[in-house]
C-alpha atoms as a PDB file:
ATOM      1  CA  MET A   1      44.977 141.979 128.162  1.00  0.00           C
ATOM      2  CA  GLY A   2      44.119 143.485 132.067  1.00  0.00           C
ATOM      3  CA  GLN A   3      42.054 145.751 130.849  1.00  0.00           C
ATOM      4  CA  ALA A   4      39.794 144.327 128.553  1.00  0.00           C
ATOM      5  CA  LEU A   5      39.157 141.113 131.448  1.00  0.00           C
ATOM      6  CA  PHE A   6      35.281 140.907 132.412  1.00  0.00           C
ATOM      7  CA  TYR A   7      34.357 138.563 135.262  1.00  0.00           C
ATOM      8  CA  LYS A   8      30.682 137.830 136.357  1.00  0.00           C
ATOM      9  CA  GLU A   9      28.983 135.262 137.623  1.00  0.00           C
ATOM     10  CA  ALA A  10      25.683 133.854 137.515  1.00  0.00           C
ATOM     11  CA  TRP A  11      23.646 131.116 137.161  1.00  0.00           C
ATOM     12  CA  PHE A  12      20.668 131.050 134.266  1.00  0.00           C
ATOM     13  CA  ALA A  13      17.627 130.461 135.560  1.00  0.00           C
ATOM     14  CA  GLY A  14      15.803 131.501 131.723  1.00  0.00           C
ATOM     15  CA  ALA A  15      14.282 134.627 129.972  1.00  0.00           C
ATOM     16  CA  GLY A  16      11.259 136.456 130.733  1.00  0.00           C
ATOM     17  CA  LEU A  17       8.543 135.748 133.573  1.00  0.00           C
ATOM     18  CA  VAL A  18       9.239 132.097 133.624  1.00  0.00           C
ATOM     19  CA  GLY A  19      12.859 132.639 134.336  1.00  0.00           C
ATOM     20  CA  ARG A  20      12.471 135.865 136.842  1.00  0.00           C
ATOM     21  CA  ALA A  21       9.685 132.966 138.945  1.00  0.00           C
ATOM     22  CA  ARG A  22      12.360 130.621 138.427  1.00  0.00           C
ATOM     23  CA  ALA A  23      15.220 132.938 140.155  1.00  0.00           C
ATOM     24  CA  TYR A  24      13.108 134.142 142.710  1.00  0.00           C
ATOM     25  CA  GLY A  25      12.470 130.708 143.360  1.00  0.00           C
ATOM     26  CA  LEU A  26      15.675 129.409 143.872  1.00  0.00           C
ATOM     27  CA  ALA A  27      16.344 132.410 146.241  1.00  0.00           C
ATOM     28  CA  LEU A  28      13.412 131.871 148.461  1.00  0.00           C
ATOM     29  CA  THR A  29      14.790 128.120 148.821  1.00  0.00           C
ATOM     30  CA  THR A  30      18.253 129.448 149.533  1.00  0.00           C
ATOM     31  CA  LYS A  31      17.210 131.112 152.248  1.00  0.00           C
ATOM     32  CA  LEU A  32      14.799 128.601 153.608  1.00  0.00           C
ATOM     33  CA  LEU A  33      17.014 126.037 153.632  1.00  0.00           C
ATOM     34  CA  PHE A  34      19.658 128.116 155.495  1.00  0.00           C
ATOM     35  CA  ASP A  35      17.430 129.447 157.751  1.00  0.00           C
ATOM     36  CA  GLY A  36      15.954 126.471 158.060  1.00  0.00           C
ATOM     37  CA  THR A  37      19.187 124.890 159.680  1.00  0.00           C
ATOM     38  CA  GLN A  38      19.876 127.686 162.038  1.00  0.00           C
ATOM     39  CA  SER A  39      16.543 127.384 163.843  1.00  0.00           C
ATOM     40  CA  ARG A  40      14.120 124.634 165.643  1.00  0.00           C
ATOM     41  CA  LEU A  41      13.288 123.708 161.584  1.00  0.00           C
ATOM     42  CA  ARG A  42      16.698 121.712 161.845  1.00  0.00           C
ATOM     43  CA  PRO A  43      15.174 118.288 162.237  1.00  0.00           C
ATOM     44  CA  VAL A  44      12.374 118.899 159.203  1.00  0.00           C
ATOM     45  CA  VAL A  45      15.234 120.537 156.848  1.00  0.00           C
ATOM     46  CA  GLU A  46      17.713 117.166 157.312  1.00  0.00           C
ATOM     47  CA  LYS A  47      15.234 115.425 156.464  1.00  0.00           C
ATOM     48  CA  VAL A  48      14.496 116.978 152.988  1.00  0.00           C
ATOM     49  CA  LEU A  49      18.503 117.923 152.389  1.00  0.00           C
ATOM     50  CA  PRO A  50      21.011 114.636 151.355  1.00  0.00           C
ATOM     51  CA  THR A  51      23.242 113.903 154.412  1.00  0.00           C
ATOM     52  CA  PRO A  52      26.573 115.109 154.794  1.00  0.00           C
ATOM     53  CA  GLY A  53      29.412 112.932 153.934  1.00  0.00           C
ATOM     54  CA  LEU A  54      31.819 112.243 151.399  1.00  0.00           C
ATOM     55  CA  GLU A  55      29.851 109.505 149.385  1.00  0.00           C
ATOM     56  CA  GLY A  56      29.396 110.038 145.838  1.00  0.00           C
ATOM     57  CA  ALA A  57      30.820 113.796 146.208  1.00  0.00           C
ATOM     58  CA  HIS A  58      31.709 114.970 142.873  1.00  0.00           C
ATOM     59  CA  PHE A  59      31.298 119.185 141.354  1.00  0.00           C
ATOM     60  CA  GLN A  60      31.396 120.258 137.643  1.00  0.00           C
ATOM     61  CA  VAL A  61      32.034 124.305 137.421  1.00  0.00           C
ATOM     62  CA  SER A  62      31.269 125.385 133.959  1.00  0.00           C
ATOM     63  CA  HIS A  63      32.670 128.568 132.326  1.00  0.00           C
ATOM     64  CA  HIS A  64      30.922 130.594 129.312  1.00  0.00           C
ATOM     65  CA  GLY A  65      33.892 133.412 127.412  1.00  0.00           C
ATOM     66  CA  VAL A  66      33.235 135.998 124.882  1.00  0.00           C
ATOM     67  CA  THR A  67      36.794 136.343 122.912  1.00  0.00           C
ATOM     68  CA  GLU A  68      37.003 139.861 122.025  1.00  0.00           C
ATOM     69  CA  ASP A  69      36.590 139.065 118.499  1.00  0.00           C
ATOM     70  CA  GLY A  70      33.183 137.008 119.100  1.00  0.00           C
ATOM     71  CA  GLU A  71      33.700 133.193 119.704  1.00  0.00           C
ATOM     72  CA  ARG A  72      32.289 132.099 122.392  1.00  0.00           C
ATOM     73  CA  TRP A  73      33.989 128.824 124.828  1.00  0.00           C
ATOM     74  CA  LEU A  74      33.059 127.083 127.165  1.00  0.00           C
ATOM     75  CA  ALA A  75      35.692 125.202 129.492  1.00  0.00           C
ATOM     76  CA  THR A  76      35.087 122.728 132.500  1.00  0.00           C
ATOM     77  CA  VAL A  77      36.287 121.536 135.811  1.00  0.00           C
ATOM     78  CA  SER A  78      35.195 118.466 137.204  1.00  0.00           C
ATOM     79  CA  ALA A  79      36.456 115.735 139.762  1.00  0.00           C
ATOM     80  CA  GLN A  80      34.975 112.962 141.831  1.00  0.00           C
ATOM     81  CA  GLY A  81      34.946 113.971 145.429  1.00  0.00           C
ATOM     82  CA  ASP A  82      34.048 116.248 147.772  1.00  0.00           C
ATOM     83  CA  PRO A  83      35.327 120.225 146.241  1.00  0.00           C
ATOM     84  CA  GLY A  84      35.994 121.976 149.945  1.00  0.00           C
ATOM     85  CA  TYR A  85      37.751 118.937 151.309  1.00  0.00           C
ATOM     86  CA  GLU A  86      39.225 115.942 149.027  1.00  0.00           C
ATOM     87  CA  VAL A  87      39.361 117.949 145.832  1.00  0.00           C
ATOM     88  CA  THR A  88      41.294 121.242 147.967  1.00  0.00           C
ATOM     89  CA  ALA A  89      44.064 119.201 149.241  1.00  0.00           C
ATOM     90  CA  MET A  90      44.820 116.438 146.598  1.00  0.00           C
ATOM     91  CA  MET A  91      44.889 120.326 144.248  1.00  0.00           C
ATOM     92  CA  LEU A  92      47.196 121.743 147.215  1.00  0.00           C
ATOM     93  CA  SER A  93      49.404 118.654 147.726  1.00  0.00           C
ATOM     94  CA  GLN A  94      50.120 118.077 143.838  1.00  0.00           C
ATOM     95  CA  ALA A  95      50.630 122.188 143.703  1.00  0.00           C
ATOM     96  CA  ALA A  96      53.489 121.725 146.610  1.00  0.00           C
ATOM     97  CA  LEU A  97      55.003 117.731 144.692  1.00  0.00           C
ATOM     98  CA  CYS A  98      55.299 120.125 141.625  1.00  0.00           C
ATOM     99  CA  LEU A  99      56.560 122.655 142.819  1.00  0.00           C
ATOM    100  CA  LEU A 100      59.122 119.975 144.563  1.00  0.00           C
ATOM    101  CA  GLU A 101      60.186 118.568 141.324  1.00  0.00           C
ATOM    102  CA  SER A 102      60.332 121.550 139.652  1.00  0.00           C
ATOM    103  CA  ARG A 103      62.117 124.029 141.440  1.00  0.00           C
ATOM    104  CA  ALA A 104      65.595 124.156 139.445  1.00  0.00           C
ATOM    105  CA  ASP A 105      63.566 124.125 136.061  1.00  0.00           C
ATOM    106  CA  SER A 106      61.345 127.264 136.423  1.00  0.00           C
ATOM    107  CA  ASP A 107      61.867 130.153 133.843  1.00  0.00           C
ATOM    108  CA  ARG A 108      59.082 131.793 135.134  1.00  0.00           C
ATOM    109  CA  THR A 109      59.037 135.206 136.578  1.00  0.00           C
ATOM    110  CA  GLY A 110      56.720 137.598 138.109  1.00  0.00           C
ATOM    111  CA  GLY A 111      55.221 138.441 142.113  1.00  0.00           C
ATOM    112  CA  VAL A 112      52.362 136.161 142.895  1.00  0.00           C
ATOM    113  CA  LEU A 113      51.434 133.361 140.009  1.00  0.00           C
ATOM    114  CA  THR A 114      47.784 131.505 140.178  1.00  0.00           C
ATOM    115  CA  PRO A 115      49.028 127.852 140.621  1.00  0.00           C
ATOM    116  CA  ALA A 116      48.099 127.223 136.958  1.00  0.00           C
ATOM    117  CA  THR A 117      50.149 130.220 135.531  1.00  0.00           C
ATOM    118  CA  GLY A 118      53.184 129.695 137.939  1.00  0.00           C
ATOM    119  CA  LEU A 119      53.311 125.907 137.877  1.00  0.00           C
ATOM    120  CA  ALA A 120      51.629 125.419 133.688  1.00  0.00           C
ATOM    121  CA  GLU A 121      51.349 122.129 132.583  1.00  0.00           C
ATOM    122  CA  PRO A 122      53.011 119.938 135.091  1.00  0.00           C
ATOM    123  CA  TYR A 123      50.595 120.444 136.851  1.00  0.00           C
ATOM    124  CA  LEU A 124      48.138 120.375 135.156  1.00  0.00           C
ATOM    125  CA  GLU A 125      49.110 116.773 134.326  1.00  0.00           C
ATOM    126  CA  ARG A 126      49.728 116.021 137.916  1.00  0.00           C
ATOM    127  CA  LEU A 127      45.733 117.424 138.722  1.00  0.00           C
ATOM    128  CA  SER A 128      44.244 115.342 135.525  1.00  0.00           C
ATOM    129  CA  SER A 129      46.020 111.790 136.564  1.00  0.00           C
ATOM    130  CA  GLN A 130      44.435 112.424 140.263  1.00  0.00           C
ATOM    131  CA  GLY A 131      40.782 112.380 138.310  1.00  0.00           C
ATOM    132  CA  MET A 132      40.345 115.942 137.564  1.00  0.00           C
ATOM    133  CA  SER A 133      38.530 116.355 134.595  1.00  0.00           C
ATOM    134  CA  PHE A 134      39.912 119.732 132.177  1.00  0.00           C
ATOM    135  CA  THR A 135      38.115 120.341 128.848  1.00  0.00           C
ATOM    136  CA  ALA A 136      37.792 123.721 126.409  1.00  0.00           C
ATOM    137  CA  GLU A 137      35.643 124.055 122.984  1.00  0.00           C
ATOM    138  CA  ARG A 138      34.271 126.070 121.133  1.00  0.00           C
ATOM    139  CA  VAL A 139      30.604 126.986 120.870  1.00  0.00           C
ATOM    140  CA  SER A 140      29.531 129.098 118.486  1.00  0.00           C
END
């Protein structure tokens, strides 16, 4: 199983010349915004960027996968709240509570496990009860 796993991240910009132009445009915009926040242009750039804060923060991450048999799957994780602040704190808290509740019941063994592997269904239920959404569907 481990040797058959392949992982990469990408942002699909489209095919052909239009896709290439979008990709270069995205890279240039990202560089300009980053450089602008680090220079005297910061006041100008801040007028374009959203104001910092947690109000209205949310995220959605979609994972596209292909099995060894060629099946295509789409898995999506989403939540309300800033992923780097609110949601991470909630996930850590729920993992800790899950560990406290399941210490005596655990039959899992191994070295270092990810929270999903080590805490399994009880962790998923806790995260779902706090507003996180998890979906997985076959797309072709």
